[in-house]
Amino acid sequence: MIKPNFLEKFSFKLAKWIGSPFSLLLHTIVFGGFLVLKYLGILTNPILFILTAGVCLEAIYLVIFVQMIVKNNTKSLTQLQGNIEEIKQEEQEVHKLMVNILHLAHQMKTLQHDFDTMKRRNGLRPGNGHKIHHSA
């Protein structure tokens, strides 16, 4: 994963702040305050025009912030998906190994049984010598 530079870090922090409840409250107070000042006759139409232009610019920046976050999240999800695929492949390999181990254990048990049977046929007691122990 590529380490974000200063500008990217700053942009993500700013986008996070803009999406906060405090930012919502601040924007509501500021824009509501402008409307109250207009209603009281303190603000003129040219000033409201400048405010409208500022709000439009802010909306453009908000769209850019949202797009940056979506792009970053998509990149992270793609990396996670790659990790998941690697884990699935490893899981399949482990499963194959476990099946092979169980198969070998069964073969060893069968060999032990055959060896014990051969000992009985030859008049020897089965179980003498080395015996394969397995837990249930």
C-alpha atoms as a PDB file:
ATOM      1  CA  MET A   1       0.000   0.000   0.000  1.00  0.00           C
ATOM      2  CA  ILE A   2       1.343   3.410  -1.009  1.00  0.00           C
ATOM      3  CA  LYS A   3       1.841   5.804   1.893  1.00  0.00           C
ATOM      4  CA  PRO A   4      -0.259   8.972   1.430  1.00  0.00           C
ATOM      5  CA  ASN A   5       1.632  12.250   1.084  1.00  0.00           C
ATOM      6  CA  PHE A   6       1.010  15.365   3.187  1.00  0.00           C
ATOM      7  CA  LEU A   7      -1.614  16.811   0.840  1.00  0.00           C
ATOM      8  CA  GLU A   8      -3.572  13.541   0.765  1.00  0.00           C
ATOM      9  CA  LYS A   9      -3.437  13.235   4.558  1.00  0.00           C
ATOM     10  CA  PHE A  10      -4.608  16.837   4.940  1.00  0.00           C
ATOM     11  CA  SER A  11      -7.409  16.330   2.403  1.00  0.00           C
ATOM     12  CA  PHE A  12      -8.689  13.217   4.167  1.00  0.00           C
ATOM     13  CA  LYS A  13      -8.588  14.957   7.555  1.00  0.00           C
ATOM     14  CA  LEU A  14     -10.456  17.935   6.097  1.00  0.00           C
ATOM     15  CA  ALA A  15     -13.037  15.653   4.468  1.00  0.00           C
ATOM     16  CA  LYS A  16     -13.469  13.828   7.784  1.00  0.00           C
ATOM     17  CA  TRP A  17     -13.992  17.128   9.614  1.00  0.00           C
ATOM     18  CA  ILE A  18     -16.468  18.389   7.005  1.00  0.00           C
ATOM     19  CA  GLY A  19     -18.472  15.213   7.491  1.00  0.00           C
ATOM     20  CA  SER A  20     -18.649  15.694  11.257  1.00  0.00           C
ATOM     21  CA  PRO A  21     -21.715  16.751  13.295  1.00  0.00           C
ATOM     22  CA  PHE A  22     -19.820  19.873  14.419  1.00  0.00           C
ATOM     23  CA  SER A  23     -19.333  20.936  10.795  1.00  0.00           C
ATOM     24  CA  LEU A  24     -23.037  20.429  10.106  1.00  0.00           C
ATOM     25  CA  LEU A  25     -23.930  22.585  13.105  1.00  0.00           C
ATOM     26  CA  LEU A  26     -21.405  25.274  12.132  1.00  0.00           C
ATOM     27  CA  HIS A  27     -22.674  25.422   8.528  1.00  0.00           C
ATOM     28  CA  THR A  28     -26.283  25.595   9.703  1.00  0.00           C
ATOM     29  CA  ILE A  29     -25.479  28.493  12.046  1.00  0.00           C
ATOM     30  CA  VAL A  30     -23.414  30.390   9.454  1.00  0.00           C
ATOM     31  CA  PHE A  31     -25.875  30.026   6.579  1.00  0.00           C
ATOM     32  CA  GLY A  32     -28.849  30.594   8.863  1.00  0.00           C
ATOM     33  CA  GLY A  33     -27.087  33.673  10.194  1.00  0.00           C
ATOM     34  CA  PHE A  34     -26.712  35.064   6.665  1.00  0.00           C
ATOM     35  CA  LEU A  35     -30.430  34.561   6.049  1.00  0.00           C
ATOM     36  CA  VAL A  36     -31.290  36.297   9.323  1.00  0.00           C
ATOM     37  CA  LEU A  37     -28.979  39.197   8.425  1.00  0.00           C
ATOM     38  CA  LYS A  38     -30.684  39.489   5.019  1.00  0.00           C
ATOM     39  CA  TYR A  39     -34.120  39.427   6.679  1.00  0.00           C
ATOM     40  CA  LEU A  40     -33.010  42.210   9.043  1.00  0.00           C
ATOM     41  CA  GLY A  41     -31.828  44.237   6.052  1.00  0.00           C
ATOM     42  CA  ILE A  42     -28.175  44.203   7.104  1.00  0.00           C
ATOM     43  CA  LEU A  43     -26.983  42.264   4.033  1.00  0.00           C
ATOM     44  CA  THR A  44     -27.463  43.389   0.468  1.00  0.00           C
ATOM     45  CA  ASN A  45     -28.089  41.284  -2.622  1.00  0.00           C
ATOM     46  CA  PRO A  46     -24.468  41.557  -3.909  1.00  0.00           C
ATOM     47  CA  ILE A  47     -23.212  40.129  -0.630  1.00  0.00           C
ATOM     48  CA  LEU A  48     -25.728  37.265  -0.910  1.00  0.00           C
ATOM     49  CA  PHE A  49     -24.516  36.699  -4.463  1.00  0.00           C
ATOM     50  CA  ILE A  50     -20.961  36.310  -3.146  1.00  0.00           C
ATOM     51  CA  LEU A  51     -22.269  33.947  -0.460  1.00  0.00           C
ATOM     52  CA  THR A  52     -24.046  31.892  -3.130  1.00  0.00           C
ATOM     53  CA  ALA A  53     -20.847  31.686  -5.184  1.00  0.00           C
ATOM     54  CA  GLY A  54     -18.977  30.538  -2.058  1.00  0.00           C
ATOM     55  CA  VAL A  55     -21.603  27.876  -1.368  1.00  0.00           C
ATOM     56  CA  CYS A  56     -21.288  26.624  -4.952  1.00  0.00           C
ATOM     57  CA  LEU A  57     -17.507  26.392  -4.640  1.00  0.00           C
ATOM     58  CA  GLU A  58     -17.891  24.555  -1.346  1.00  0.00           C
ATOM     59  CA  ALA A  59     -20.270  22.083  -3.015  1.00  0.00           C
ATOM     60  CA  ILE A  60     -17.706  21.443  -5.751  1.00  0.00           C
ATOM     61  CA  TYR A  61     -15.025  20.752  -3.142  1.00  0.00           C
ATOM     62  CA  LEU A  62     -17.364  18.454  -1.234  1.00  0.00           C
ATOM     63  CA  VAL A  63     -17.927  16.408  -4.393  1.00  0.00           C
ATOM     64  CA  ILE A  64     -14.152  16.206  -4.884  1.00  0.00           C
ATOM     65  CA  PHE A  65     -13.694  15.062  -1.262  1.00  0.00           C
ATOM     66  CA  VAL A  66     -16.377  12.420  -1.672  1.00  0.00           C
ATOM     67  CA  GLN A  67     -14.752  11.183  -4.885  1.00  0.00           C
ATOM     68  CA  MET A  68     -11.342  10.997  -3.172  1.00  0.00           C
ATOM     69  CA  ILE A  69     -12.784   8.937  -0.327  1.00  0.00           C
ATOM     70  CA  VAL A  70     -14.637   6.616  -2.717  1.00  0.00           C
ATOM     71  CA  LYS A  71     -11.446   6.116  -4.746  1.00  0.00           C
ATOM     72  CA  ASN A  72      -9.421   5.421  -1.587  1.00  0.00           C
ATOM     73  CA  ASN A  73     -12.031   2.982  -0.244  1.00  0.00           C
ATOM     74  CA  THR A  74     -12.221   1.203  -3.608  1.00  0.00           C
ATOM     75  CA  LYS A  75      -8.434   0.802  -3.609  1.00  0.00           C
ATOM     76  CA  SER A  76      -8.540  -0.586  -0.056  1.00  0.00           C
ATOM     77  CA  LEU A  77     -11.354  -2.994  -0.934  1.00  0.00           C
ATOM     78  CA  THR A  78      -9.430  -4.219  -3.976  1.00  0.00           C
ATOM     79  CA  GLN A  79      -6.394  -4.902  -1.795  1.00  0.00           C
ATOM     80  CA  LEU A  80      -8.561  -6.726   0.762  1.00  0.00           C
ATOM     81  CA  GLN A  81     -10.133  -8.791  -1.998  1.00  0.00           C
ATOM     82  CA  GLY A  82      -6.648  -9.837  -3.113  1.00  0.00           C
ATOM     83  CA  ASN A  83      -5.813 -10.826   0.472  1.00  0.00           C
ATOM     84  CA  ILE A  84      -9.025 -12.853   0.705  1.00  0.00           C
ATOM     85  CA  GLU A  85      -8.142 -14.704  -2.506  1.00  0.00           C
ATOM     86  CA  GLU A  86      -4.693 -15.549  -1.110  1.00  0.00           C
ATOM     87  CA  ILE A  87      -6.263 -16.822   2.116  1.00  0.00           C
ATOM     88  CA  LYS A  88      -8.725 -18.975   0.135  1.00  0.00           C
ATOM     89  CA  GLN A  89      -5.850 -20.507  -1.844  1.00  0.00           C
ATOM     90  CA  GLU A  90      -3.920 -21.232   1.355  1.00  0.00           C
ATOM     91  CA  GLU A  91      -7.056 -22.751   2.892  1.00  0.00           C
ATOM     92  CA  GLN A  92      -7.438 -25.063  -0.115  1.00  0.00           C
ATOM     93  CA  GLU A  93      -3.783 -26.118   0.171  1.00  0.00           C
ATOM     94  CA  VAL A  94      -4.170 -26.823   3.901  1.00  0.00           C
ATOM     95  CA  HIS A  95      -7.322 -28.832   3.190  1.00  0.00           C
ATOM     96  CA  LYS A  96      -5.460 -30.932   0.602  1.00  0.00           C
ATOM     97  CA  LEU A  97      -2.637 -31.534   3.098  1.00  0.00           C
ATOM     98  CA  MET A  98      -5.121 -32.588   5.783  1.00  0.00           C
ATOM     99  CA  VAL A  99      -6.806 -35.016   3.393  1.00  0.00           C
ATOM    100  CA  ASN A 100      -3.408 -36.467   2.493  1.00  0.00           C
ATOM    101  CA  ILE A 101      -2.469 -36.815   6.172  1.00  0.00           C
ATOM    102  CA  LEU A 102      -5.753 -38.593   6.931  1.00  0.00           C
ATOM    103  CA  HIS A 103      -5.193 -40.873   3.950  1.00  0.00           C
ATOM    104  CA  LEU A 104      -1.665 -41.710   5.168  1.00  0.00           C
ATOM    105  CA  ALA A 105      -2.956 -42.367   8.691  1.00  0.00           C
ATOM    106  CA  HIS A 106      -5.572 -44.738   7.293  1.00  0.00           C
ATOM    107  CA  GLN A 107      -2.895 -46.523   5.245  1.00  0.00           C
ATOM    108  CA  MET A 108      -0.686 -46.835   8.328  1.00  0.00           C
ATOM    109  CA  LYS A 109      -3.601 -48.264  10.325  1.00  0.00           C
ATOM    110  CA  THR A 110      -4.298 -50.735   7.512  1.00  0.00           C
ATOM    111  CA  LEU A 111      -0.614 -51.737   7.412  1.00  0.00           C
ATOM    112  CA  GLN A 112      -0.621 -52.244  11.191  1.00  0.00           C
ATOM    113  CA  HIS A 113      -3.749 -54.417  10.901  1.00  0.00           C
ATOM    114  CA  ASP A 114      -2.178 -56.432   8.064  1.00  0.00           C
ATOM    115  CA  PHE A 115       1.022 -56.808  10.066  1.00  0.00           C
ATOM    116  CA  ASP A 116      -0.921 -58.044  13.125  1.00  0.00           C
ATOM    117  CA  THR A 117      -2.866 -60.483  10.930  1.00  0.00           C
ATOM    118  CA  MET A 118       0.387 -61.814   9.469  1.00  0.00           C
ATOM    119  CA  LYS A 119       1.804 -62.281  12.989  1.00  0.00           C
ATOM    120  CA  ARG A 120      -1.294 -64.282  14.033  1.00  0.00           C
ATOM    121  CA  ARG A 121      -0.943 -66.533  11.010  1.00  0.00           C
ATOM    122  CA  ASN A 122       2.650 -67.231  11.944  1.00  0.00           C
ATOM    123  CA  GLY A 123       1.726 -67.986  15.557  1.00  0.00           C
ATOM    124  CA  LEU A 124       3.046 -64.747  17.041  1.00  0.00           C
ATOM    125  CA  ARG A 125       1.193 -62.458  19.397  1.00  0.00           C
ATOM    126  CA  PRO A 126      -0.003 -59.269  17.696  1.00  0.00           C
ATOM    127  CA  GLY A 127       0.919 -56.018  19.363  1.00  0.00           C
ATOM    128  CA  ASN A 128       4.522 -56.907  20.200  1.00  0.00           C
ATOM    129  CA  GLY A 129       7.099 -54.521  18.893  1.00  0.00           C
ATOM    130  CA  HIS A 130       6.155 -51.169  17.503  1.00  0.00           C
ATOM    131  CA  LYS A 131       2.525 -50.370  17.156  1.00  0.00           C
ATOM    132  CA  ILE A 132       1.018 -47.270  15.708  1.00  0.00           C
ATOM    133  CA  HIS A 133      -0.918 -45.340  18.323  1.00  0.00           C
ATOM    134  CA  HIS A 134      -3.703 -43.069  17.291  1.00  0.00           C
ATOM    135  CA  SER A 135      -6.070 -40.959  19.315  1.00  0.00           C
ATOM    136  CA  ALA A 136      -9.801 -40.913  18.804  1.00  0.00           C
END
